[in-house]
Amino acid sequence: MLLGIIRTIILFVVVVVGLRLMGKRQIGQLQPYEMVIIIMLSAIAAVPMGNTGIPLVSGLFPILTLIVIQVALSYISLKSETARGIICGTPSVLIKNGKIIEQELARQRYDINDLLEQLRAKDMYNIADVEFAILENSGQLSIISKSQKRPLVPADINLPTTYEGLPVTLIIDGYVFHKNLAIINLDSDWLAAELKKFGVNSFQEVLFASLDTEGKLFYQVKSKAV
């Protein structure tokens, strides 16, 4: 029993490290070969995990081999556009200038009903309003609407806007991020004084607090136990 637990922990750590080396991407953003590698990793790791009669190295060696293959292919794809096209494929244009490209749909074996469903998911209900619909290598559909159908943005009417940036997290579940306070040239004394203005006397009472680029403090106290 103890041996099985130890083997499971080792394999788990190796697979997690391997996935971290593959980069931070969601499942829907993975290239086809990356998806295959992840499936193979899980299958290979499960065998020595469930059978202690199989040497641990028999599971670790294939896992490490797959990780090396993935890193190598990623590096090659990064350095060579031709290799990237061979390894990952190329995006396919399914709609151009409001017209469905039938040949490309057939080549990708992409059903019109699937195309319409993906368009509706992106709030596009009329094919005539679509300038381009591109099927990415990950399987996601990117949509570029016609210019006259796009939402109005401040730049379209030369309306000046102020810089927003990202709010700085100051407290999560009572824990104060002193490094973040230092980055914005503030300290915990300032934070405590600001919270007291709102009747909050302890950092432990705060579920979340942040400061935006305009200097506005947002906070939420923890719900009190009944």
Protein backbone atom coordinates (compact mmCIF):
# COMPACT_ATOMS: atom_id res chain seq x y z
CA MET A 1 0.00 0.00 0.00
CA LEU A 2 2.75 2.44 1.01
CA LEU A 3 4.74 1.58 -2.12
CA GLY A 4 1.71 2.29 -4.31
CA ILE A 5 1.19 5.67 -2.64
CA ILE A 6 4.83 6.64 -3.11
CA ARG A 7 4.78 5.59 -6.78
CA THR A 8 1.58 7.56 -7.32
CA ILE A 9 3.07 10.69 -5.77
CA ILE A 10 6.23 10.40 -7.88
CA LEU A 11 4.28 9.91 -11.11
CA PHE A 12 1.91 12.75 -10.21
CA VAL A 13 4.81 15.15 -9.61
CA VAL A 14 6.52 14.15 -12.86
CA VAL A 15 3.35 14.61 -14.92
CA VAL A 16 2.54 17.98 -13.30
CA VAL A 17 6.09 19.24 -13.93
CA GLY A 18 5.82 18.00 -17.50
CA LEU A 19 2.56 19.84 -18.07
CA ARG A 20 4.08 22.98 -16.57
CA LEU A 21 6.96 22.70 -19.06
CA MET A 22 4.37 22.51 -21.84
CA GLY A 23 3.18 26.00 -20.89
CA LYS A 24 0.03 27.59 -19.51
CA ARG A 25 -2.72 26.96 -22.00
CA GLN A 26 -6.33 25.91 -21.73
CA ILE A 27 -7.45 22.62 -23.26
CA GLY A 28 -9.18 24.46 -26.10
CA GLN A 29 -5.94 26.23 -26.98
CA LEU A 30 -3.82 23.09 -27.32
CA GLN A 31 -2.46 22.07 -30.69
CA PRO A 32 -3.51 18.58 -31.90
CA TYR A 33 -0.10 17.03 -31.14
CA GLU A 34 -0.18 18.54 -27.63
CA MET A 35 -3.59 17.02 -26.99
CA VAL A 36 -2.26 13.62 -28.11
CA ILE A 37 0.72 13.95 -25.77
CA ILE A 38 -1.50 14.80 -22.79
CA ILE A 39 -3.74 11.80 -23.49
CA MET A 40 -0.70 9.54 -23.79
CA LEU A 41 0.82 10.96 -20.59
CA SER A 42 -2.30 10.13 -18.59
CA ALA A 43 -2.50 6.63 -20.08
CA ILE A 44 1.19 5.85 -19.48
CA ALA A 45 1.14 7.19 -15.91
CA ALA A 46 -1.92 5.11 -15.04
CA VAL A 47 -0.22 1.77 -15.83
CA PRO A 48 2.64 1.77 -13.24
CA MET A 49 0.35 3.61 -10.83
CA GLY A 50 -2.10 0.71 -10.73
CA ASN A 51 0.38 -2.16 -11.05
CA THR A 52 3.27 -2.18 -8.58
CA GLY A 53 4.76 -5.16 -10.43
CA ILE A 54 5.84 -2.84 -13.24
CA PRO A 55 9.15 -1.03 -12.55
CA LEU A 56 8.62 2.67 -11.92
CA VAL A 57 11.26 3.56 -14.50
CA SER A 58 9.10 1.83 -17.13
CA GLY A 59 6.54 4.57 -16.60
CA LEU A 60 8.90 7.48 -16.01
CA PHE A 61 11.02 6.94 -19.12
CA PRO A 62 8.10 7.16 -21.65
CA ILE A 63 6.67 10.17 -19.77
CA LEU A 64 9.99 12.03 -19.92
CA THR A 65 10.37 11.05 -23.59
CA LEU A 66 6.96 12.56 -24.43
CA ILE A 67 7.82 15.74 -22.54
CA VAL A 68 11.08 16.10 -24.47
CA ILE A 69 9.22 15.50 -27.76
CA GLN A 70 6.67 18.20 -26.90
CA VAL A 71 9.32 20.75 -25.91
CA ALA A 72 11.34 19.98 -29.05
CA LEU A 73 8.34 20.29 -31.37
CA SER A 74 7.31 23.54 -29.70
CA TYR A 75 10.80 24.96 -30.18
CA ILE A 76 10.90 23.88 -33.83
CA SER A 77 7.46 25.38 -34.44
CA LEU A 78 8.62 28.62 -32.82
CA LYS A 79 11.68 28.90 -35.06
CA SER A 80 10.24 27.71 -38.38
CA GLU A 81 6.95 28.79 -39.93
CA THR A 82 7.15 25.93 -42.42
CA ALA A 83 7.64 23.39 -39.65
CA ARG A 84 4.79 24.94 -37.69
CA GLY A 85 2.49 24.46 -40.68
CA ILE A 86 3.48 20.80 -40.92
CA ILE A 87 3.30 20.09 -37.18
CA CYS A 88 0.31 22.20 -36.18
CA GLY A 89 -1.49 22.79 -39.46
CA THR A 90 -2.76 26.13 -40.72
CA PRO A 91 -5.95 28.09 -39.96
CA SER A 92 -8.83 27.65 -42.41
CA VAL A 93 -11.09 30.43 -43.65
CA LEU A 94 -14.69 29.17 -43.55
CA ILE A 95 -16.42 32.48 -44.32
CA LYS A 96 -15.03 35.29 -46.45
CA ASN A 97 -16.84 38.55 -47.18
CA GLY A 98 -20.12 37.14 -45.91
CA LYS A 99 -19.90 34.03 -48.08
CA ILE A 100 -19.41 30.44 -46.89
CA ILE A 101 -16.42 28.70 -48.46
CA GLU A 102 -17.98 25.33 -49.28
CA GLN A 103 -14.74 23.65 -50.35
CA GLU A 104 -13.08 24.51 -47.05
CA LEU A 105 -16.07 23.27 -45.08
CA ALA A 106 -15.88 19.96 -46.92
CA ARG A 107 -12.10 19.72 -46.48
CA GLN A 108 -12.40 20.31 -42.72
CA ARG A 109 -15.52 18.11 -42.49
CA TYR A 110 -17.22 21.02 -40.76
CA ASP A 111 -21.00 20.94 -40.78
CA ILE A 112 -22.95 24.14 -41.58
CA ASN A 113 -25.06 23.60 -38.46
CA ASP A 114 -21.85 23.52 -36.40
CA LEU A 115 -20.74 26.71 -38.08
CA LEU A 116 -24.04 28.43 -37.29
CA GLU A 117 -23.85 27.26 -33.69
CA GLN A 118 -20.35 28.69 -33.30
CA LEU A 119 -21.49 31.98 -34.84
CA ARG A 120 -24.42 32.23 -32.43
CA ALA A 121 -22.05 31.57 -29.52
CA LYS A 122 -20.11 34.68 -30.64
CA ASP A 123 -23.34 36.73 -30.92
CA MET A 124 -23.27 36.65 -34.72
CA TYR A 125 -26.66 35.64 -36.08
CA ASN A 126 -26.34 36.64 -39.72
CA ILE A 127 -23.65 35.20 -41.99
CA ALA A 128 -23.91 38.33 -44.15
CA ASP A 129 -22.51 40.34 -41.21
CA VAL A 130 -19.33 38.24 -41.04
CA GLU A 131 -16.20 39.48 -42.81
CA PHE A 132 -14.10 36.44 -41.91
CA ALA A 133 -14.69 33.26 -39.91
CA ILE A 134 -11.42 31.42 -39.34
CA LEU A 135 -11.12 27.90 -37.94
CA GLU A 136 -7.97 27.96 -35.83
CA ASN A 137 -5.61 25.02 -35.34
CA SER A 138 -7.00 24.56 -31.82
CA GLY A 139 -10.51 24.05 -33.24
CA GLN A 140 -11.79 27.42 -32.06
CA LEU A 141 -13.64 29.67 -34.49
CA SER A 142 -12.39 33.26 -34.72
CA ILE A 143 -14.87 35.74 -36.13
CA ILE A 144 -14.23 39.17 -37.63
CA SER A 145 -17.44 41.05 -38.24
CA LYS A 146 -17.87 43.61 -41.01
CA SER A 147 -16.79 47.10 -40.01
CA GLN A 148 -20.32 48.52 -40.14
CA LYS A 149 -21.56 45.78 -37.80
CA ARG A 150 -18.94 46.20 -35.09
CA PRO A 151 -19.79 47.88 -31.77
CA LEU A 152 -18.88 51.53 -31.50
CA VAL A 153 -15.73 52.24 -29.49
CA PRO A 154 -14.44 55.61 -28.18
CA ALA A 155 -11.72 55.75 -30.86
CA ASP A 156 -14.40 55.71 -33.59
CA ILE A 157 -15.66 59.13 -32.45
CA ASN A 158 -12.31 60.45 -31.20
CA LEU A 159 -13.51 60.34 -27.60
CA PRO A 160 -10.58 60.62 -25.15
CA THR A 161 -10.39 58.02 -22.40
CA THR A 162 -8.36 57.73 -19.22
CA TYR A 163 -5.88 54.95 -18.55
CA GLU A 164 -7.45 52.13 -16.58
CA GLY A 165 -4.76 49.52 -16.06
CA LEU A 166 -5.19 46.64 -13.63
CA PRO A 167 -6.25 46.97 -9.99
CA VAL A 168 -3.62 45.94 -7.46
CA THR A 169 -4.66 43.16 -5.09
CA LEU A 170 -4.05 44.18 -1.49
CA ILE A 171 -5.87 41.60 0.66
CA ILE A 172 -7.19 38.11 0.06
CA ASP A 173 -8.95 36.32 2.92
CA GLY A 174 -7.28 38.47 5.55
CA TYR A 175 -3.78 38.12 4.08
CA VAL A 176 -2.09 41.43 3.23
CA PHE A 177 0.13 41.54 0.13
CA HIS A 178 2.91 43.79 1.43
CA LYS A 179 4.90 43.44 -1.84
CA ASN A 180 1.97 44.86 -3.80
CA LEU A 181 1.67 47.75 -1.34
CA ALA A 182 5.38 48.48 -1.76
CA ILE A 183 5.03 48.52 -5.56
CA ILE A 184 2.48 51.36 -5.32
CA ASN A 185 4.51 53.12 -2.60
CA LEU A 186 2.01 52.46 0.19
CA ASP A 187 2.14 50.43 3.40
CA SER A 188 -0.10 48.47 5.76
CA ASP A 189 -0.58 51.50 8.02
CA TRP A 190 -2.16 53.41 5.15
CA LEU A 191 -4.33 50.42 4.30
CA ALA A 192 -5.47 50.00 7.91
CA ALA A 193 -6.34 53.71 8.13
CA GLU A 194 -8.37 53.55 4.90
CA LEU A 195 -10.29 50.48 6.04
CA LYS A 196 -11.07 52.10 9.41
CA LYS A 197 -12.86 54.89 7.52
CA PHE A 198 -15.37 52.22 6.50
CA GLY A 199 -15.62 50.66 9.94
CA VAL A 200 -13.23 47.77 9.26
CA ASN A 201 -10.86 47.44 12.19
CA SER A 202 -8.90 44.31 11.26
CA PHE A 203 -7.41 42.88 8.09
CA GLN A 204 -8.83 39.52 9.15
CA GLU A 205 -12.33 40.90 8.53
CA VAL A 206 -11.56 41.50 4.84
CA LEU A 207 -12.30 38.88 2.21
CA PHE A 208 -10.83 40.89 -0.66
CA ALA A 209 -9.41 44.37 -1.20
CA SER A 210 -7.81 46.06 -4.20
CA LEU A 211 -6.77 49.51 -5.37
CA ASP A 212 -7.42 50.71 -8.92
CA THR A 213 -5.24 53.09 -10.94
CA GLU A 214 -7.45 56.03 -9.95
CA GLY A 215 -6.72 55.42 -6.28
CA LYS A 216 -10.14 53.99 -5.42
CA LEU A 217 -10.12 51.29 -2.76
CA PHE A 218 -12.47 48.35 -3.26
CA TYR A 219 -13.08 45.98 -0.38
CA GLN A 220 -15.46 43.26 0.73
CA VAL A 221 -15.69 41.95 4.27
CA LYS A 222 -16.16 38.31 5.11
CA SER A 223 -19.69 37.12 5.76
CA LYS A 224 -20.27 36.57 9.44
CA ALA A 225 -20.89 32.96 10.56
CA VAL A 226 -24.45 32.36 11.70
